Structures are given as C-alpha cells and as structure tokens.
Amino acid sequence: MRIYREDAPAAFSPIAAAVAELDLRAHCSMAPIRKATQGVVALENCHPFHRYGQGREWVFAHNGDIKIPLPLADRHQPIGDTDSEAAFCWILEQLEDREIAPDDEAGLFKALLA
C-alpha cells in the first residue's frame, strides 16, 4: 500500500504532479479530496487515514459532517481533529470488540450498516 498525503491543494501540489507521472497499477485506488469542514487545514487532518488493526492495514476516507456524537475510542486514537478520523477509530474498535474477522466480508458489511 502506498499513501500520498499533503495539505496543499491538488492543483498546486508537487506530490500530485509527481504521482501523475508514475506508471502506477493497482487493483484498488483511492483519491480522496478533503473539503475542510472540521479541523484545521493540516497534514494530520488529510485523508486517507491509516491504521493497523487485527493484523491488517485499514484505510478510511470520508467527506461530509458526522451529525451524531461518537464516543471516544480507547485503543485507536485520532491524530488530527476531524470527525472523520474519530469515526474511523470508533469503527475499528467496534469491529475488534465484535470480533469480526477482517476477511469476513458479510460480517463487515453487516456491522458497518448497523
């Protein structure tokens, strides 16, 4: 997995320009663009967020505001101050607490819809 993140607009980004020149091939790609509605414009608040859990790497990106308060996570702590990263940490803890295996696609889908 490769993650490129920066807090500069993509139109003025030397990283985005360099990545565009690479011959990248991937089974799955994400290219989130953050519209800062919560938290300051800073690298720690930029998507995608990345964590290790249950022996796997997890990546999360979300646009929009989360309208409900989420309890603070115990094991997975946000680095930045966005509601998206807090939600990501909470989701990871819910999956661990429910002992849903990362390769249980049906279980993950069901848990994420709940």
PDB file of N, CA and C in Angstrom:
ATOM      1  N   MET A   1       0.845  -1.162   0.000  1.00  0.00           N
ATOM      2  CA  MET A   1       0.000   0.000   0.000  1.00  0.00           C
ATOM      3  C   MET A   1       0.900   1.237   0.000  1.00  0.00           C
ATOM      4  N   ARG A   2       0.538   2.185  -0.817  1.00  0.00           N
ATOM      5  CA  ARG A   2       1.225   3.475  -0.856  1.00  0.00           C
ATOM      6  C   ARG A   2       0.205   4.550  -0.554  1.00  0.00           C
ATOM      7  N   ILE A   3       0.576   5.458   0.327  1.00  0.00           N
ATOM      8  CA  ILE A   3      -0.299   6.578   0.658  1.00  0.00           C
ATOM      9  C   ILE A   3       0.491   7.864   0.439  1.00  0.00           C
ATOM     10  N   TYR A   4      -0.077   8.744  -0.352  1.00  0.00           N
ATOM     11  CA  TYR A   4       0.489  10.072  -0.573  1.00  0.00           C
ATOM     12  C   TYR A   4      -0.507  11.065   0.014  1.00  0.00           C
ATOM     13  N   ARG A   5      -0.057  11.880   0.938  1.00  0.00           N
ATOM     14  CA  ARG A   5      -0.947  12.868   1.547  1.00  0.00           C
ATOM     15  C   ARG A   5      -0.212  14.199   1.655  1.00  0.00           C
ATOM     16  N   GLU A   6      -0.967  15.258   1.522  1.00  0.00           N
ATOM     17  CA  GLU A   6      -0.425  16.585   1.795  1.00  0.00           C
ATOM     18  C   GLU A   6      -1.586  17.537   2.020  1.00  0.00           C
ATOM     19  N   ASP A   7      -1.271  18.681   2.610  1.00  0.00           N
ATOM     20  CA  ASP A   7      -2.321  19.641   2.933  1.00  0.00           C
ATOM     21  C   ASP A   7      -2.450  20.758   1.896  1.00  0.00           C
ATOM     22  N   ALA A   8      -1.705  20.670   0.818  1.00  0.00           N
ATOM     23  CA  ALA A   8      -1.786  21.676  -0.253  1.00  0.00           C
ATOM     24  C   ALA A   8      -2.882  21.292  -1.240  1.00  0.00           C
ATOM     25  N   PRO A   9      -3.509  22.264  -1.888  1.00  0.00           N
ATOM     26  CA  PRO A   9      -4.493  21.949  -2.930  1.00  0.00           C
ATOM     27  C   PRO A   9      -3.839  21.149  -4.056  1.00  0.00           C
ATOM     28  N   ALA A  10      -4.575  20.168  -4.585  1.00  0.00           N
ATOM     29  CA  ALA A  10      -4.027  19.284  -5.616  1.00  0.00           C
ATOM     30  C   ALA A  10      -3.540  20.055  -6.841  1.00  0.00           C
ATOM     31  N   ALA A  11      -4.216  21.154  -7.173  1.00  0.00           N
ATOM     32  CA  ALA A  11      -3.831  21.931  -8.349  1.00  0.00           C
ATOM     33  C   ALA A  11      -2.438  22.542  -8.222  1.00  0.00           C
ATOM     34  N   PHE A  12      -1.959  22.713  -7.005  1.00  0.00           N
ATOM     35  CA  PHE A  12      -0.643  23.325  -6.768  1.00  0.00           C
ATOM     36  C   PHE A  12       0.321  22.361  -6.093  1.00  0.00           C
ATOM     37  N   SER A  13       0.042  21.090  -6.169  1.00  0.00           N
ATOM     38  CA  SER A  13       0.786  20.086  -5.416  1.00  0.00           C
ATOM     39  C   SER A  13       1.923  19.472  -6.223  1.00  0.00           C
ATOM     40  N   PRO A  14       3.153  19.610  -5.747  1.00  0.00           N
ATOM     41  CA  PRO A  14       4.248  18.909  -6.416  1.00  0.00           C
ATOM     42  C   PRO A  14       4.133  17.393  -6.244  1.00  0.00           C
ATOM     43  N   ILE A  15       3.553  16.939  -5.144  1.00  0.00           N
ATOM     44  CA  ILE A  15       3.369  15.494  -4.941  1.00  0.00           C
ATOM     45  C   ILE A  15       2.367  14.956  -5.959  1.00  0.00           C
ATOM     46  N   ALA A  16       1.239  15.648  -6.131  1.00  0.00           N
ATOM     47  CA  ALA A  16       0.233  15.208  -7.109  1.00  0.00           C
ATOM     48  C   ALA A  16       0.827  15.183  -8.509  1.00  0.00           C
ATOM     49  N   ALA A  17       1.622  16.170  -8.858  1.00  0.00           N
ATOM     50  CA  ALA A  17       2.257  16.203 -10.176  1.00  0.00           C
ATOM     51  C   ALA A  17       3.222  15.027 -10.349  1.00  0.00           C
ATOM     52  N   ALA A  18       3.994  14.724  -9.304  1.00  0.00           N
ATOM     53  CA  ALA A  18       4.943  13.610  -9.377  1.00  0.00           C
ATOM     54  C   ALA A  18       4.216  12.273  -9.476  1.00  0.00           C
ATOM     55  N   VAL A  19       3.143  12.095  -8.712  1.00  0.00           N
ATOM     56  CA  VAL A  19       2.388  10.844  -8.751  1.00  0.00           C
ATOM     57  C   VAL A  19       1.726  10.668 -10.118  1.00  0.00           C
ATOM     58  N   ALA A  20       1.270  11.752 -10.716  1.00  0.00           N
ATOM     59  CA  ALA A  20       0.640  11.682 -12.044  1.00  0.00           C
ATOM     60  C   ALA A  20       1.607  11.165 -13.100  1.00  0.00           C
ATOM     61  N   GLU A  21       2.881  11.362 -12.894  1.00  0.00           N
ATOM     62  CA  GLU A  21       3.893  10.915 -13.851  1.00  0.00           C
ATOM     63  C   GLU A  21       4.295   9.451 -13.656  1.00  0.00           C
ATOM     64  N   LEU A  22       3.896   8.846 -12.557  1.00  0.00           N
ATOM     65  CA  LEU A  22       4.267   7.456 -12.284  1.00  0.00           C
ATOM     66  C   LEU A  22       3.399   6.493 -13.087  1.00  0.00           C
ATOM     67  N   ASP A  23       3.953   5.350 -13.396  1.00  0.00           N
ATOM     68  CA  ASP A  23       3.201   4.297 -14.073  1.00  0.00           C
ATOM     69  C   ASP A  23       2.632   3.371 -13.004  1.00  0.00           C
ATOM     70  N   LEU A  24       1.591   3.839 -12.319  1.00  0.00           N
ATOM     71  CA  LEU A  24       1.009   3.089 -11.215  1.00  0.00           C
ATOM     72  C   LEU A  24      -0.043   2.115 -11.724  1.00  0.00           C
ATOM     73  N   ARG A  25      -0.039   0.943 -11.135  1.00  0.00           N
ATOM     74  CA  ARG A  25      -1.057  -0.063 -11.436  1.00  0.00           C
ATOM     75  C   ARG A  25      -1.539  -0.598 -10.091  1.00  0.00           C
ATOM     76  N   ALA A  26      -2.854  -0.686  -9.954  1.00  0.00           N
ATOM     77  CA  ALA A  26      -3.399  -1.148  -8.682  1.00  0.00           C
ATOM     78  C   ALA A  26      -4.730  -1.846  -8.901  1.00  0.00           C
ATOM     79  N   HIS A  27      -5.003  -2.790  -8.036  1.00  0.00           N
ATOM     80  CA  HIS A  27      -6.305  -3.451  -8.032  1.00  0.00           C
ATOM     81  C   HIS A  27      -7.369  -2.481  -7.519  1.00  0.00           C
ATOM     82  N   CYS A  28      -6.987  -1.649  -6.583  1.00  0.00           N
ATOM     83  CA  CYS A  28      -7.919  -0.694  -5.974  1.00  0.00           C
ATOM     84  C   CYS A  28      -7.162   0.597  -5.679  1.00  0.00           C
ATOM     85  N   SER A  29      -7.755   1.720  -6.021  1.00  0.00           N
ATOM     86  CA  SER A  29      -7.134   3.022  -5.772  1.00  0.00           C
ATOM     87  C   SER A  29      -8.150   3.950  -5.116  1.00  0.00           C
ATOM     88  N   MET A  30      -7.648   4.859  -4.293  1.00  0.00           N
ATOM     89  CA  MET A  30      -8.470   5.903  -3.682  1.00  0.00           C
ATOM     90  C   MET A  30      -7.791   7.229  -3.958  1.00  0.00           C
ATOM     91  N   ALA A  31      -8.569   8.246  -4.220  1.00  0.00           N
ATOM     92  CA  ALA A  31      -8.027   9.586  -4.415  1.00  0.00           C
ATOM     93  C   ALA A  31      -8.965  10.593  -3.750  1.00  0.00           C
ATOM     94  N   PRO A  32      -9.015  10.578  -2.404  1.00  0.00           N
ATOM     95  CA  PRO A  32      -9.917  11.499  -1.719  1.00  0.00           C
ATOM     96  C   PRO A  32      -9.417  12.932  -1.776  1.00  0.00           C
ATOM     97  N   ILE A  33     -10.343  13.839  -1.865  1.00  0.00           N
ATOM     98  CA  ILE A  33     -10.031  15.262  -1.803  1.00  0.00           C
ATOM     99  C   ILE A  33     -10.804  15.826  -0.628  1.00  0.00           C
ATOM    100  N   ARG A  34     -10.111  16.462   0.285  1.00  0.00           N
ATOM    101  CA  ARG A  34     -10.733  16.940   1.509  1.00  0.00           C
ATOM    102  C   ARG A  34     -11.293  18.338   1.323  1.00  0.00           C
ATOM    103  N   LYS A  35     -12.531  18.509   1.746  1.00  0.00           N
ATOM    104  CA  LYS A  35     -13.120  19.832   1.900  1.00  0.00           C
ATOM    105  C   LYS A  35     -13.168  20.064   3.399  1.00  0.00           C
ATOM    106  N   ALA A  36     -12.330  20.932   3.900  1.00  0.00           N
ATOM    107  CA  ALA A  36     -12.163  21.107   5.342  1.00  0.00           C
ATOM    108  C   ALA A  36     -13.385  21.760   5.971  1.00  0.00           C
ATOM    109  N   THR A  37     -14.236  20.932   6.577  1.00  0.00           N
ATOM    110  CA  THR A  37     -15.388  21.467   7.305  1.00  0.00           C
ATOM    111  C   THR A  37     -15.184  21.364   8.809  1.00  0.00           C
ATOM    112  N   GLN A  38     -14.271  20.495   9.236  1.00  0.00           N
ATOM    113  CA  GLN A  38     -13.924  20.373  10.648  1.00  0.00           C
ATOM    114  C   GLN A  38     -12.423  20.179  10.757  1.00  0.00           C
ATOM    115  N   GLY A  39     -11.831  20.795  11.743  1.00  0.00           N
ATOM    116  CA  GLY A  39     -10.390  20.693  11.914  1.00  0.00           C
ATOM    117  C   GLY A  39      -9.660  21.665  10.998  1.00  0.00           C
ATOM    118  N   VAL A  40      -8.472  22.016  11.397  1.00  0.00           N
ATOM    119  CA  VAL A  40      -7.673  22.962  10.624  1.00  0.00           C
ATOM    120  C   VAL A  40      -7.106  22.277   9.382  1.00  0.00           C
ATOM    121  N   VAL A  41      -6.726  23.065   8.394  1.00  0.00           N
ATOM    122  CA  VAL A  41      -6.071  22.525   7.214  1.00  0.00           C
ATOM    123  C   VAL A  41      -4.630  22.199   7.614  1.00  0.00           C
ATOM    124  N   ALA A  42      -4.378  20.920   7.814  1.00  0.00           N
ATOM    125  CA  ALA A  42      -3.071  20.443   8.249  1.00  0.00           C
ATOM    126  C   ALA A  42      -2.937  18.984   7.817  1.00  0.00           C
ATOM    127  N   LEU A  43      -1.719  18.526   7.670  1.00  0.00           N
ATOM    128  CA  LEU A  43      -1.465  17.168   7.191  1.00  0.00           C
ATOM    129  C   LEU A  43      -2.170  16.124   8.053  1.00  0.00           C
ATOM    130  N   GLU A  44      -2.179  16.297   9.361  1.00  0.00           N
ATOM    131  CA  GLU A  44      -2.799  15.288  10.236  1.00  0.00           C
ATOM    132  C   GLU A  44      -4.314  15.166  10.040  1.00  0.00           C
ATOM    133  N   ASN A  45      -4.926  16.130   9.370  1.00  0.00           N
ATOM    134  CA  ASN A  45      -6.363  16.083   9.108  1.00  0.00           C
ATOM    135  C   ASN A  45      -6.692  15.655   7.678  1.00  0.00           C
ATOM    136  N   CYS A  46      -5.673  15.332   6.889  1.00  0.00           N
ATOM    137  CA  CYS A  46      -5.893  14.966   5.486  1.00  0.00           C
ATOM    138  C   CYS A  46      -6.177  13.479   5.336  1.00  0.00           C
ATOM    139  N   HIS A  47      -7.062  13.166   4.433  1.00  0.00           N
ATOM    140  CA  HIS A  47      -7.412  11.786   4.107  1.00  0.00           C
ATOM    141  C   HIS A  47      -6.364  11.231   3.154  1.00  0.00           C
ATOM    142  N   PRO A  48      -6.255   9.948   3.038  1.00  0.00           N
ATOM    143  CA  PRO A  48      -6.944   8.931   3.810  1.00  0.00           C
ATOM    144  C   PRO A  48      -6.247   8.707   5.142  1.00  0.00           C
ATOM    145  N   PHE A  49      -7.034   8.261   6.113  1.00  0.00           N
ATOM    146  CA  PHE A  49      -6.485   7.898   7.417  1.00  0.00           C
ATOM    147  C   PHE A  49      -6.085   6.434   7.358  1.00  0.00           C
ATOM    148  N   HIS A  50      -5.070   6.076   8.108  1.00  0.00           N
ATOM    149  CA  HIS A  50      -4.478   4.744   8.019  1.00  0.00           C
ATOM    150  C   HIS A  50      -4.208   4.220   9.418  1.00  0.00           C
ATOM    151  N   ARG A  51      -4.575   2.963   9.662  1.00  0.00           N
ATOM    152  CA  ARG A  51      -4.310   2.324  10.951  1.00  0.00           C
ATOM    153  C   ARG A  51      -4.037   0.839  10.733  1.00  0.00           C
ATOM    154  N   TYR A  52      -3.391   0.234  11.714  1.00  0.00           N
ATOM    155  CA  TYR A  52      -3.223  -1.211  11.770  1.00  0.00           C
ATOM    156  C   TYR A  52      -4.199  -1.737  12.819  1.00  0.00           C
ATOM    157  N   GLY A  53      -4.843  -2.829  12.508  1.00  0.00           N
ATOM    158  CA  GLY A  53      -5.746  -3.463  13.457  1.00  0.00           C
ATOM    159  C   GLY A  53      -6.079  -4.853  13.005  1.00  0.00           C
ATOM    160  N   GLN A  54      -6.170  -5.772  13.929  1.00  0.00           N
ATOM    161  CA  GLN A  54      -6.500  -7.164  13.638  1.00  0.00           C
ATOM    162  C   GLN A  54      -5.546  -7.763  12.601  1.00  0.00           C
ATOM    163  N   GLY A  55      -4.290  -7.348  12.655  1.00  0.00           N
ATOM    164  CA  GLY A  55      -3.293  -7.894  11.746  1.00  0.00           C
ATOM    165  C   GLY A  55      -3.396  -7.394  10.313  1.00  0.00           C
ATOM    166  N   ARG A  56      -4.164  -6.336  10.091  1.00  0.00           N
ATOM    167  CA  ARG A  56      -4.367  -5.791   8.744  1.00  0.00           C
ATOM    168  C   ARG A  56      -4.137  -4.293   8.727  1.00  0.00           C
ATOM    169  N   GLU A  57      -3.939  -3.767   7.524  1.00  0.00           N
ATOM    170  CA  GLU A  57      -3.918  -2.325   7.319  1.00  0.00           C
ATOM    171  C   GLU A  57      -5.322  -1.887   6.906  1.00  0.00           C
ATOM    172  N   TRP A  58      -5.780  -0.803   7.498  1.00  0.00           N
ATOM    173  CA  TRP A  58      -7.088  -0.247   7.184  1.00  0.00           C
ATOM    174  C   TRP A  58      -6.886   1.191   6.721  1.00  0.00           C
ATOM    175  N   VAL A  59      -7.644   1.572   5.703  1.00  0.00           N
ATOM    176  CA  VAL A  59      -7.581   2.927   5.162  1.00  0.00           C
ATOM    177  C   VAL A  59      -9.005   3.455   5.091  1.00  0.00           C
ATOM    178  N   PHE A  60      -9.174   4.731   5.437  1.00  0.00           N
ATOM    179  CA  PHE A  60     -10.513   5.316   5.516  1.00  0.00           C
ATOM    180  C   PHE A  60     -10.489   6.748   5.004  1.00  0.00           C
ATOM    181  N   ALA A  61     -11.471   7.075   4.192  1.00  0.00           N
ATOM    182  CA  ALA A  61     -11.677   8.456   3.753  1.00  0.00           C
ATOM    183  C   ALA A  61     -13.173   8.728   3.814  1.00  0.00           C
ATOM    184  N   HIS A  62     -13.524   9.924   4.183  1.00  0.00           N
ATOM    185  CA  HIS A  62     -14.943  10.290   4.330  1.00  0.00           C
ATOM    186  C   HIS A  62     -15.086  11.777   4.071  1.00  0.00           C
ATOM    187  N   ASN A  63     -16.078  12.141   3.301  1.00  0.00           N
ATOM    188  CA  ASN A  63     -16.396  13.554   3.097  1.00  0.00           C
ATOM    189  C   ASN A  63     -17.756  13.836   3.702  1.00  0.00           C
ATOM    190  N   GLY A  64     -17.890  14.978   4.307  1.00  0.00           N
ATOM    191  CA  GLY A  64     -19.148  15.366   4.941  1.00  0.00           C
ATOM    192  C   GLY A  64     -18.967  15.489   6.434  1.00  0.00           C
ATOM    193  N   ASP A  65     -20.022  15.895   7.092  1.00  0.00           N
ATOM    194  CA  ASP A  65     -20.005  16.051   8.545  1.00  0.00           C
ATOM    195  C   ASP A  65     -20.784  14.921   9.188  1.00  0.00           C
ATOM    196  N   ILE A  66     -20.260  14.401  10.269  1.00  0.00           N
ATOM    197  CA  ILE A  66     -20.971  13.384  11.034  1.00  0.00           C
ATOM    198  C   ILE A  66     -21.832  14.119  12.051  1.00  0.00           C
ATOM    199  N   LYS A  67     -23.115  13.923  11.957  1.00  0.00           N
ATOM    200  CA  LYS A  67     -24.080  14.719  12.716  1.00  0.00           C
ATOM    201  C   LYS A  67     -24.394  14.162  14.102  1.00  0.00           C
ATOM    202  N   ILE A  68     -23.907  12.971  14.418  1.00  0.00           N
ATOM    203  CA  ILE A  68     -24.189  12.398  15.729  1.00  0.00           C
ATOM    204  C   ILE A  68     -22.897  12.335  16.534  1.00  0.00           C
ATOM    205  N   PRO A  69     -22.980  12.515  17.842  1.00  0.00           N
ATOM    206  CA  PRO A  69     -21.759  12.407  18.652  1.00  0.00           C
ATOM    207  C   PRO A  69     -21.298  10.951  18.741  1.00  0.00           C
ATOM    208  N   LEU A  70     -20.015  10.754  18.600  1.00  0.00           N
ATOM    209  CA  LEU A  70     -19.445   9.416  18.723  1.00  0.00           C
ATOM    210  C   LEU A  70     -18.661   9.321  20.026  1.00  0.00           C
ATOM    211  N   PRO A  71     -18.753   8.192  20.705  1.00  0.00           N
ATOM    212  CA  PRO A  71     -17.923   8.023  21.899  1.00  0.00           C
ATOM    213  C   PRO A  71     -16.447   7.975  21.499  1.00  0.00           C
ATOM    214  N   LEU A  72     -15.592   8.411  22.369  1.00  0.00           N
ATOM    215  CA  LEU A  72     -14.162   8.355  22.089  1.00  0.00           C
ATOM    216  C   LEU A  72     -13.688   6.908  22.076  1.00  0.00           C
ATOM    217  N   ALA A  73     -12.820   6.600  21.160  1.00  0.00           N
ATOM    218  CA  ALA A  73     -12.245   5.269  21.076  1.00  0.00           C
ATOM    219  C   ALA A  73     -11.158   5.137  22.136  1.00  0.00           C
ATOM    220  N   ASP A  74     -10.949   3.925  22.623  1.00  0.00           N
ATOM    221  CA  ASP A  74      -9.919   3.683  23.629  1.00  0.00           C
ATOM    222  C   ASP A  74      -8.578   3.296  23.014  1.00  0.00           C
ATOM    223  N   ARG A  75      -8.612   2.323  22.120  1.00  0.00           N
ATOM    224  CA  ARG A  75      -7.371   1.779  21.571  1.00  0.00           C
ATOM    225  C   ARG A  75      -6.877   2.527  20.352  1.00  0.00           C
ATOM    226  N   HIS A  76      -7.774   3.034  19.550  1.00  0.00           N
ATOM    227  CA  HIS A  76      -7.407   3.764  18.329  1.00  0.00           C
ATOM    228  C   HIS A  76      -7.703   5.242  18.557  1.00  0.00           C
ATOM    229  N   GLN A  77      -6.670   6.023  18.662  1.00  0.00           N
ATOM    230  CA  GLN A  77      -6.829   7.445  18.938  1.00  0.00           C
ATOM    231  C   GLN A  77      -6.590   8.271  17.681  1.00  0.00           C
ATOM    232  N   PRO A  78      -7.442   9.267  17.441  1.00  0.00           N
ATOM    233  CA  PRO A  78      -7.199  10.160  16.308  1.00  0.00           C
ATOM    234  C   PRO A  78      -5.891  10.936  16.490  1.00  0.00           C
ATOM    235  N   ILE A  79      -5.229  11.189  15.388  1.00  0.00           N
ATOM    236  CA  ILE A  79      -4.028  12.022  15.396  1.00  0.00           C
ATOM    237  C   ILE A  79      -4.426  13.475  15.165  1.00  0.00           C
ATOM    238  N   GLY A  80      -5.369  13.677  14.254  1.00  0.00           N
ATOM    239  CA  GLY A  80      -5.872  15.014  13.957  1.00  0.00           C
ATOM    240  C   GLY A  80      -7.139  15.308  14.737  1.00  0.00           C
ATOM    241  N   ASP A  81      -7.894  16.286  14.246  1.00  0.00           N
ATOM    242  CA  ASP A  81      -9.111  16.670  14.980  1.00  0.00           C
ATOM    243  C   ASP A  81     -10.343  16.724  14.077  1.00  0.00           C
ATOM    244  N   THR A  82     -10.441  15.750  13.152  1.00  0.00           N
ATOM    245  CA  THR A  82     -11.625  15.699  12.303  1.00  0.00           C
ATOM    246  C   THR A  82     -12.611  14.653  12.830  1.00  0.00           C
ATOM    247  N   ASP A  83     -13.877  14.884  12.523  1.00  0.00           N
ATOM    248  CA  ASP A  83     -14.889  13.903  12.885  1.00  0.00           C
ATOM    249  C   ASP A  83     -14.709  12.617  12.085  1.00  0.00           C
ATOM    250  N   SER A  84     -14.181  12.712  10.881  1.00  0.00           N
ATOM    251  CA  SER A  84     -13.966  11.522  10.049  1.00  0.00           C
ATOM    252  C   SER A  84     -12.953  10.574  10.682  1.00  0.00           C
ATOM    253  N   GLU A  85     -11.850  11.107  11.156  1.00  0.00           N
ATOM    254  CA  GLU A  85     -10.847  10.242  11.769  1.00  0.00           C
ATOM    255  C   GLU A  85     -11.360   9.658  13.078  1.00  0.00           C
ATOM    256  N   ALA A  86     -12.105  10.444  13.841  1.00  0.00           N
ATOM    257  CA  ALA A  86     -12.699   9.927  15.085  1.00  0.00           C
ATOM    258  C   ALA A  86     -13.661   8.784  14.762  1.00  0.00           C
ATOM    259  N   ALA A  87     -14.443   8.926  13.694  1.00  0.00           N
ATOM    260  CA  ALA A  87     -15.365   7.864  13.285  1.00  0.00           C
ATOM    261  C   ALA A  87     -14.595   6.620  12.866  1.00  0.00           C
ATOM    262  N   PHE A  88     -13.509   6.800  12.142  1.00  0.00           N
ATOM    263  CA  PHE A  88     -12.678   5.683  11.712  1.00  0.00           C
ATOM    264  C   PHE A  88     -12.159   4.911  12.924  1.00  0.00           C
ATOM    265  N   CYS A  89     -11.641   5.620  13.912  1.00  0.00           N
ATOM    266  CA  CYS A  89     -11.140   4.971  15.125  1.00  0.00           C
ATOM    267  C   CYS A  89     -12.254   4.211  15.831  1.00  0.00           C
ATOM    268  N   TRP A  90     -13.431   4.814  15.912  1.00  0.00           N
ATOM    269  CA  TRP A  90     -14.573   4.175  16.560  1.00  0.00           C
ATOM    270  C   TRP A  90     -14.997   2.925  15.794  1.00  0.00           C
ATOM    271  N   ILE A  91     -15.048   3.001  14.468  1.00  0.00           N
ATOM    272  CA  ILE A  91     -15.422   1.849  13.651  1.00  0.00           C
ATOM    273  C   ILE A  91     -14.447   0.695  13.866  1.00  0.00           C
ATOM    274  N   LEU A  92     -13.155   0.979  13.868  1.00  0.00           N
ATOM    275  CA  LEU A  92     -12.164  -0.076  14.084  1.00  0.00           C
ATOM    276  C   LEU A  92     -12.364  -0.757  15.426  1.00  0.00           C
ATOM    277  N   GLU A  93     -12.646   0.031  16.451  1.00  0.00           N
ATOM    278  CA  GLU A  93     -12.867  -0.564  17.774  1.00  0.00           C
ATOM    279  C   GLU A  93     -14.133  -1.410  17.800  1.00  0.00           C
ATOM    280  N   GLN A  94     -15.176  -0.967  17.121  1.00  0.00           N
ATOM    281  CA  GLN A  94     -16.411  -1.755  17.058  1.00  0.00           C
ATOM    282  C   GLN A  94     -16.159  -3.099  16.384  1.00  0.00           C
ATOM    283  N   LEU A  95     -15.395  -3.092  15.303  1.00  0.00           N
ATOM    284  CA  LEU A  95     -15.093  -4.348  14.612  1.00  0.00           C
ATOM    285  C   LEU A  95     -14.269  -5.280  15.494  1.00  0.00           C
ATOM    286  N   GLU A  96     -13.310  -4.719  16.222  1.00  0.00           N
ATOM    287  CA  GLU A  96     -12.496  -5.536  17.123  1.00  0.00           C
ATOM    288  C   GLU A  96     -13.331  -6.067  18.280  1.00  0.00           C
ATOM    289  N   ASP A  97     -14.160  -5.205  18.873  1.00  0.00           N
ATOM    290  CA  ASP A  97     -14.985  -5.619  20.012  1.00  0.00           C
ATOM    291  C   ASP A  97     -15.962  -6.720  19.629  1.00  0.00           C
ATOM    292  N   ARG A  98     -16.469  -6.666  18.405  1.00  0.00           N
ATOM    293  CA  ARG A  98     -17.414  -7.687  17.925  1.00  0.00           C
ATOM    294  C   ARG A  98     -16.694  -8.909  17.357  1.00  0.00           C
ATOM    295  N   GLU A  99     -15.361  -8.847  17.367  1.00  0.00           N
ATOM    296  CA  GLU A  99     -14.520  -9.942  16.882  1.00  0.00           C
ATOM    297  C   GLU A  99     -14.875 -10.363  15.461  1.00  0.00           C
ATOM    298  N   ILE A 100     -15.097  -9.379  14.623  1.00  0.00           N
ATOM    299  CA  ILE A 100     -15.381  -9.637  13.220  1.00  0.00           C
ATOM    300  C   ILE A 100     -14.051  -9.740  12.489  1.00  0.00           C
ATOM    301  N   ALA A 101     -13.831 -10.869  11.860  1.00  0.00           N
ATOM    302  CA  ALA A 101     -12.575 -11.101  11.157  1.00  0.00           C
ATOM    303  C   ALA A 101     -12.486 -10.185   9.940  1.00  0.00           C
ATOM    304  N   PRO A 102     -11.307  -9.630   9.668  1.00  0.00           N
ATOM    305  CA  PRO A 102     -11.156  -8.740   8.512  1.00  0.00           C
ATOM    306  C   PRO A 102     -11.523  -9.370   7.180  1.00  0.00           C
ATOM    307  N   ASP A 103     -11.414 -10.689   7.065  1.00  0.00           N
ATOM    308  CA  ASP A 103     -11.753 -11.334   5.798  1.00  0.00           C
ATOM    309  C   ASP A 103     -13.208 -11.826   5.744  1.00  0.00           C
ATOM    310  N   ASP A 104     -14.000 -11.512   6.773  1.00  0.00           N
ATOM    311  CA  ASP A 104     -15.428 -11.854   6.809  1.00  0.00           C
ATOM    312  C   ASP A 104     -16.215 -10.714   6.166  1.00  0.00           C
ATOM    313  N   GLU A 105     -16.275 -10.731   4.822  1.00  0.00           N
ATOM    314  CA  GLU A 105     -16.905  -9.622   4.102  1.00  0.00           C
ATOM    315  C   GLU A 105     -18.366  -9.430   4.487  1.00  0.00           C
ATOM    316  N   ALA A 106     -19.109 -10.495   4.653  1.00  0.00           N
ATOM    317  CA  ALA A 106     -20.521 -10.384   5.030  1.00  0.00           C
ATOM    318  C   ALA A 106     -20.659  -9.797   6.432  1.00  0.00           C
ATOM    319  N   GLY A 107     -19.800 -10.245   7.348  1.00  0.00           N
ATOM    320  CA  GLY A 107     -19.829  -9.716   8.716  1.00  0.00           C
ATOM    321  C   GLY A 107     -19.444  -8.245   8.775  1.00  0.00           C
ATOM    322  N   LEU A 108     -18.428  -7.869   8.009  1.00  0.00           N
ATOM    323  CA  LEU A 108     -18.018  -6.465   7.956  1.00  0.00           C
ATOM    324  C   LEU A 108     -19.139  -5.598   7.401  1.00  0.00           C
ATOM    325  N   PHE A 109     -19.742  -6.048   6.316  1.00  0.00           N
ATOM    326  CA  PHE A 109     -20.821  -5.288   5.698  1.00  0.00           C
ATOM    327  C   PHE A 109     -21.982  -5.119   6.674  1.00  0.00           C
ATOM    328  N   LYS A 110     -22.365  -6.192   7.324  1.00  0.00           N
ATOM    329  CA  LYS A 110     -23.468  -6.151   8.286  1.00  0.00           C
ATOM    330  C   LYS A 110     -23.137  -5.204   9.448  1.00  0.00           C
ATOM    331  N   ALA A 111     -21.915  -5.287   9.970  1.00  0.00           N
ATOM    332  CA  ALA A 111     -21.510  -4.436  11.091  1.00  0.00           C
ATOM    333  C   ALA A 111     -21.476  -2.967  10.694  1.00  0.00           C
ATOM    334  N   LEU A 112     -21.016  -2.676   9.495  1.00  0.00           N
ATOM    335  CA  LEU A 112     -20.919  -1.278   9.058  1.00  0.00           C
ATOM    336  C   LEU A 112     -22.296  -0.672   8.788  1.00  0.00           C
ATOM    337  N   LEU A 113     -23.261  -1.497   8.456  1.00  0.00           N
ATOM    338  CA  LEU A 113     -24.618  -0.991   8.237  1.00  0.00           C
ATOM    339  C   LEU A 113     -25.378  -0.783   9.546  1.00  0.00           C
ATOM    340  N   ALA A 114     -24.951  -1.460  10.590  1.00  0.00           N
ATOM    341  CA  ALA A 114     -25.665  -1.387  11.882  1.00  0.00           C
ATOM    342  C   ALA A 114     -25.490  -0.041  12.547  1.00  0.00           C
TER     343      ALA A 114
END
